[in-house]
Amino acid sequence: MARVKYTDSDVALMARMMRAEAEGEGQQGMLMVGNVIVNRLKADCLDFQDLKTVSDVIYQVQGGNYSFEAVQKGNVFYNRARTAEKRLAKQTLDYWREHPSKYSLWYFNPYAPCPPTWYDQPFAGQYKEHCYYEPQANTCEGAYRW
């Protein structure tokens, strides 16, 4: 059973985002980005309330900007989804979760050492250039749902 409901177009959209955000970090890095997308969809808390679809998560606007830089900047995100990334996207939608993105709702590349918190959320770990952050304790039970 999949972690969330999705369509073929959701798989393609996720694949495009995963590639755009983390292609330079290989398959593992792309899986981590995909996992954060799924976590946001499942969370229903904090900044991620009432997100019902993969598209809702990817095109979410916060503070006047898209949550994911790749949507705003274009770059690779607007290319067609490739088979390899679609397979990775399906993995995250169906079952894949791994540290440090396992429960994370945020990530970014600071181009420096990872700060211990980001917008008051605790550091969960780092994979290559991206720092991952989980919600503060007792603020988002949905992030921990299977």
C-alpha atoms as a PDB file:
ATOM      1  CA  MET A   1       0.000   0.000   0.000  1.00  0.00           C
ATOM      2  CA  ALA A   2       1.325   3.422  -0.963  1.00  0.00           C
ATOM      3  CA  ARG A   3       2.133   6.060   1.641  1.00  0.00           C
ATOM      4  CA  VAL A   4      -0.114   8.546  -0.217  1.00  0.00           C
ATOM      5  CA  LYS A   5      -2.576   8.428  -3.085  1.00  0.00           C
ATOM      6  CA  TYR A   6      -1.092   9.513  -6.395  1.00  0.00           C
ATOM      7  CA  THR A   7      -1.571   9.539 -10.155  1.00  0.00           C
ATOM      8  CA  ASP A   8       0.866   9.058 -13.029  1.00  0.00           C
ATOM      9  CA  SER A   9       1.052  12.827 -13.426  1.00  0.00           C
ATOM     10  CA  ASP A  10       2.004  13.106  -9.713  1.00  0.00           C
ATOM     11  CA  VAL A  11       4.851  10.647 -10.311  1.00  0.00           C
ATOM     12  CA  ALA A  12       6.103  12.725 -13.246  1.00  0.00           C
ATOM     13  CA  LEU A  13       5.817  15.984 -11.279  1.00  0.00           C
ATOM     14  CA  MET A  14       7.701  14.513  -8.309  1.00  0.00           C
ATOM     15  CA  ALA A  15      10.353  13.100 -10.630  1.00  0.00           C
ATOM     16  CA  ARG A  16      10.914  16.541 -12.158  1.00  0.00           C
ATOM     17  CA  MET A  17      11.193  18.163  -8.720  1.00  0.00           C
ATOM     18  CA  MET A  18      13.523  15.512  -7.324  1.00  0.00           C
ATOM     19  CA  ARG A  19      15.854  15.891 -10.302  1.00  0.00           C
ATOM     20  CA  ALA A  20      15.739  19.700 -10.247  1.00  0.00           C
ATOM     21  CA  GLU A  21      16.466  19.925  -6.525  1.00  0.00           C
ATOM     22  CA  ALA A  22      19.039  17.149  -6.089  1.00  0.00           C
ATOM     23  CA  GLU A  23      20.329  15.666  -9.343  1.00  0.00           C
ATOM     24  CA  GLY A  24      23.883  16.517  -8.268  1.00  0.00           C
ATOM     25  CA  GLU A  25      23.445  14.390  -5.148  1.00  0.00           C
ATOM     26  CA  GLY A  26      22.626  11.217  -7.039  1.00  0.00           C
ATOM     27  CA  GLN A  27      19.759   8.806  -6.537  1.00  0.00           C
ATOM     28  CA  GLN A  28      19.987   8.894  -2.737  1.00  0.00           C
ATOM     29  CA  GLY A  29      19.799  12.687  -2.681  1.00  0.00           C
ATOM     30  CA  MET A  30      16.820  12.678  -5.026  1.00  0.00           C
ATOM     31  CA  LEU A  31      15.050  10.084  -2.851  1.00  0.00           C
ATOM     32  CA  MET A  32      15.563  12.346   0.176  1.00  0.00           C
ATOM     33  CA  VAL A  33      13.934  15.290  -1.602  1.00  0.00           C
ATOM     34  CA  GLY A  34      11.042  13.074  -2.657  1.00  0.00           C
ATOM     35  CA  ASN A  35      10.607  11.905   0.907  1.00  0.00           C
ATOM     36  CA  VAL A  36      10.298  15.498   2.158  1.00  0.00           C
ATOM     37  CA  ILE A  37       7.555  16.086  -0.448  1.00  0.00           C
ATOM     38  CA  VAL A  38       5.639  13.020   0.774  1.00  0.00           C
ATOM     39  CA  ASN A  39       6.174  14.046   4.418  1.00  0.00           C
ATOM     40  CA  ARG A  40       4.695  17.469   3.715  1.00  0.00           C
ATOM     41  CA  LEU A  41       1.683  15.871   2.072  1.00  0.00           C
ATOM     42  CA  LYS A  42       1.110  13.573   5.060  1.00  0.00           C
ATOM     43  CA  ALA A  43       1.915  16.119   7.788  1.00  0.00           C
ATOM     44  CA  ASP A  44      -1.232  18.306   7.821  1.00  0.00           C
ATOM     45  CA  CYS A  45       0.365  20.619  10.366  1.00  0.00           C
ATOM     46  CA  LEU A  46       2.409  23.801  10.691  1.00  0.00           C
ATOM     47  CA  ASP A  47       2.987  25.308   7.213  1.00  0.00           C
ATOM     48  CA  PHE A  48       1.624  22.211   5.514  1.00  0.00           C
ATOM     49  CA  GLN A  49      -2.042  22.112   6.539  1.00  0.00           C
ATOM     50  CA  ASP A  50      -4.658  21.252   3.966  1.00  0.00           C
ATOM     51  CA  LEU A  51      -2.237  20.056   1.281  1.00  0.00           C
ATOM     52  CA  LYS A  52      -4.145  17.260  -0.462  1.00  0.00           C
ATOM     53  CA  THR A  53      -2.057  16.401  -3.542  1.00  0.00           C
ATOM     54  CA  VAL A  54       1.546  16.194  -4.696  1.00  0.00           C
ATOM     55  CA  SER A  55       0.837  19.234  -6.860  1.00  0.00           C
ATOM     56  CA  ASP A  56      -0.400  21.181  -3.791  1.00  0.00           C
ATOM     57  CA  VAL A  57       2.938  20.519  -2.082  1.00  0.00           C
ATOM     58  CA  ILE A  58       5.157  21.310  -5.046  1.00  0.00           C
ATOM     59  CA  TYR A  59       3.338  24.507  -6.039  1.00  0.00           C
ATOM     60  CA  GLN A  60       2.749  25.750  -2.485  1.00  0.00           C
ATOM     61  CA  VAL A  61       3.478  29.446  -2.036  1.00  0.00           C
ATOM     62  CA  GLN A  62       4.785  30.701   1.298  1.00  0.00           C
ATOM     63  CA  GLY A  63       5.732  34.300   1.988  1.00  0.00           C
ATOM     64  CA  GLY A  64       5.115  35.246  -1.628  1.00  0.00           C
ATOM     65  CA  ASN A  65       7.483  32.602  -3.061  1.00  0.00           C
ATOM     66  CA  TYR A  66       7.186  28.997  -4.091  1.00  0.00           C
ATOM     67  CA  SER A  67       8.347  26.648  -1.333  1.00  0.00           C
ATOM     68  CA  PHE A  68      10.690  24.895  -3.754  1.00  0.00           C
ATOM     69  CA  GLU A  69      13.242  27.112  -5.444  1.00  0.00           C
ATOM     70  CA  ALA A  70      13.225  24.984  -8.613  1.00  0.00           C
ATOM     71  CA  VAL A  71       9.619  25.993  -9.411  1.00  0.00           C
ATOM     72  CA  GLN A  72      10.537  29.665  -9.344  1.00  0.00           C
ATOM     73  CA  LYS A  73      13.869  29.435 -11.112  1.00  0.00           C
ATOM     74  CA  GLY A  74      12.743  27.027 -13.787  1.00  0.00           C
ATOM     75  CA  ASN A  75      15.972  25.241 -14.697  1.00  0.00           C
ATOM     76  CA  VAL A  76      15.653  21.458 -14.855  1.00  0.00           C
ATOM     77  CA  PHE A  77      12.181  21.402 -13.264  1.00  0.00           C
ATOM     78  CA  TYR A  78      10.487  22.296 -16.535  1.00  0.00           C
ATOM     79  CA  ASN A  79      12.120  19.449 -18.493  1.00  0.00           C
ATOM     80  CA  ARG A  80      10.229  16.196 -19.117  1.00  0.00           C
ATOM     81  CA  ALA A  81      10.378  13.580 -16.390  1.00  0.00           C
ATOM     82  CA  ARG A  82      12.852  10.801 -17.146  1.00  0.00           C
ATOM     83  CA  THR A  83      12.239   7.101 -16.486  1.00  0.00           C
ATOM     84  CA  ALA A  84      14.986   6.819 -13.840  1.00  0.00           C
ATOM     85  CA  GLU A  85      13.576   9.681 -11.754  1.00  0.00           C
ATOM     86  CA  LYS A  86      10.002   8.418 -12.172  1.00  0.00           C
ATOM     87  CA  ARG A  87      11.117   5.129 -10.634  1.00  0.00           C
ATOM     88  CA  LEU A  88      12.657   7.020  -7.691  1.00  0.00           C
ATOM     89  CA  ALA A  89       9.530   9.154  -7.279  1.00  0.00           C
ATOM     90  CA  LYS A  90       7.381   6.030  -7.151  1.00  0.00           C
ATOM     91  CA  GLN A  91       9.654   4.589  -4.459  1.00  0.00           C
ATOM     92  CA  THR A  92       9.127   7.602  -2.192  1.00  0.00           C
ATOM     93  CA  LEU A  93       5.387   7.666  -2.826  1.00  0.00           C
ATOM     94  CA  ASP A  94       5.073   3.949  -2.099  1.00  0.00           C
ATOM     95  CA  TYR A  95       7.450   3.192   0.762  1.00  0.00           C
ATOM     96  CA  TRP A  96      10.896   4.842   0.845  1.00  0.00           C
ATOM     97  CA  ARG A  97      11.957   6.689   4.030  1.00  0.00           C
ATOM     98  CA  GLU A  98      15.478   6.999   5.325  1.00  0.00           C
ATOM     99  CA  HIS A  99      17.520   9.184   7.687  1.00  0.00           C
ATOM    100  CA  PRO A 100      18.082  12.143   7.588  1.00  0.00           C
ATOM    101  CA  SER A 101      14.933  12.878   5.568  1.00  0.00           C
ATOM    102  CA  LYS A 102      12.823  10.190   7.247  1.00  0.00           C
ATOM    103  CA  TYR A 103      10.682  12.659   9.248  1.00  0.00           C
ATOM    104  CA  SER A 104      11.974  15.907   7.757  1.00  0.00           C
ATOM    105  CA  LEU A 105       9.699  18.624   6.427  1.00  0.00           C
ATOM    106  CA  TRP A 106      12.448  21.020   5.341  1.00  0.00           C
ATOM    107  CA  TYR A 107      15.818  20.937   3.649  1.00  0.00           C
ATOM    108  CA  PHE A 108      18.166  23.446   2.108  1.00  0.00           C
ATOM    109  CA  ASN A 109      21.724  23.871   0.924  1.00  0.00           C
ATOM    110  CA  PRO A 110      23.394  26.503   3.116  1.00  0.00           C
ATOM    111  CA  TYR A 111      26.641  26.525   1.099  1.00  0.00           C
ATOM    112  CA  ALA A 112      28.245  26.352   4.555  1.00  0.00           C
ATOM    113  CA  PRO A 113      27.998  24.050   7.596  1.00  0.00           C
ATOM    114  CA  CYS A 114      24.427  23.114   8.539  1.00  0.00           C
ATOM    115  CA  PRO A 115      23.007  25.351  11.276  1.00  0.00           C
ATOM    116  CA  PRO A 116      21.668  23.539  14.387  1.00  0.00           C
ATOM    117  CA  THR A 117      18.165  24.880  13.709  1.00  0.00           C
ATOM    118  CA  TRP A 118      16.354  26.370  10.734  1.00  0.00           C
ATOM    119  CA  TYR A 119      13.341  28.555  11.435  1.00  0.00           C
ATOM    120  CA  ASP A 120      13.451  27.093  14.973  1.00  0.00           C
ATOM    121  CA  GLN A 121      13.222  23.495  13.681  1.00  0.00           C
ATOM    122  CA  PRO A 122      15.903  21.012  14.831  1.00  0.00           C
ATOM    123  CA  PHE A 123      18.609  19.670  12.532  1.00  0.00           C
ATOM    124  CA  ALA A 124      18.007  15.999  11.634  1.00  0.00           C
ATOM    125  CA  GLY A 125      21.134  15.377   9.578  1.00  0.00           C
ATOM    126  CA  GLN A 126      22.938  16.100   6.363  1.00  0.00           C
ATOM    127  CA  TYR A 127      23.245  14.289   3.057  1.00  0.00           C
ATOM    128  CA  LYS A 128      25.951  15.726   0.817  1.00  0.00           C
ATOM    129  CA  GLU A 129      25.121  19.449   0.472  1.00  0.00           C
ATOM    130  CA  HIS A 130      21.568  19.407   1.873  1.00  0.00           C
ATOM    131  CA  CYS A 131      20.676  19.905   5.528  1.00  0.00           C
ATOM    132  CA  TYR A 132      17.431  18.274   6.749  1.00  0.00           C
ATOM    133  CA  TYR A 133      15.157  19.515   9.530  1.00  0.00           C
ATOM    134  CA  GLU A 134      12.375  17.762  11.443  1.00  0.00           C
ATOM    135  CA  PRO A 135       9.542  19.531  13.253  1.00  0.00           C
ATOM    136  CA  GLN A 136      10.026  20.404  16.914  1.00  0.00           C
ATOM    137  CA  ALA A 137       8.835  17.719  19.314  1.00  0.00           C
ATOM    138  CA  ASN A 138       5.049  17.557  19.800  1.00  0.00           C
ATOM    139  CA  THR A 139       4.282  20.072  17.022  1.00  0.00           C
ATOM    140  CA  CYS A 140       3.486  17.795  14.082  1.00  0.00           C
ATOM    141  CA  GLU A 141       2.423  14.223  14.684  1.00  0.00           C
ATOM    142  CA  GLY A 142       1.561  13.851  11.002  1.00  0.00           C
ATOM    143  CA  ALA A 143       5.242  14.029  10.024  1.00  0.00           C
ATOM    144  CA  TYR A 144       5.769  10.724  11.819  1.00  0.00           C
ATOM    145  CA  ARG A 145       2.865   8.844  10.192  1.00  0.00           C
ATOM    146  CA  TRP A 146       3.758   5.993   7.905  1.00  0.00           C
END
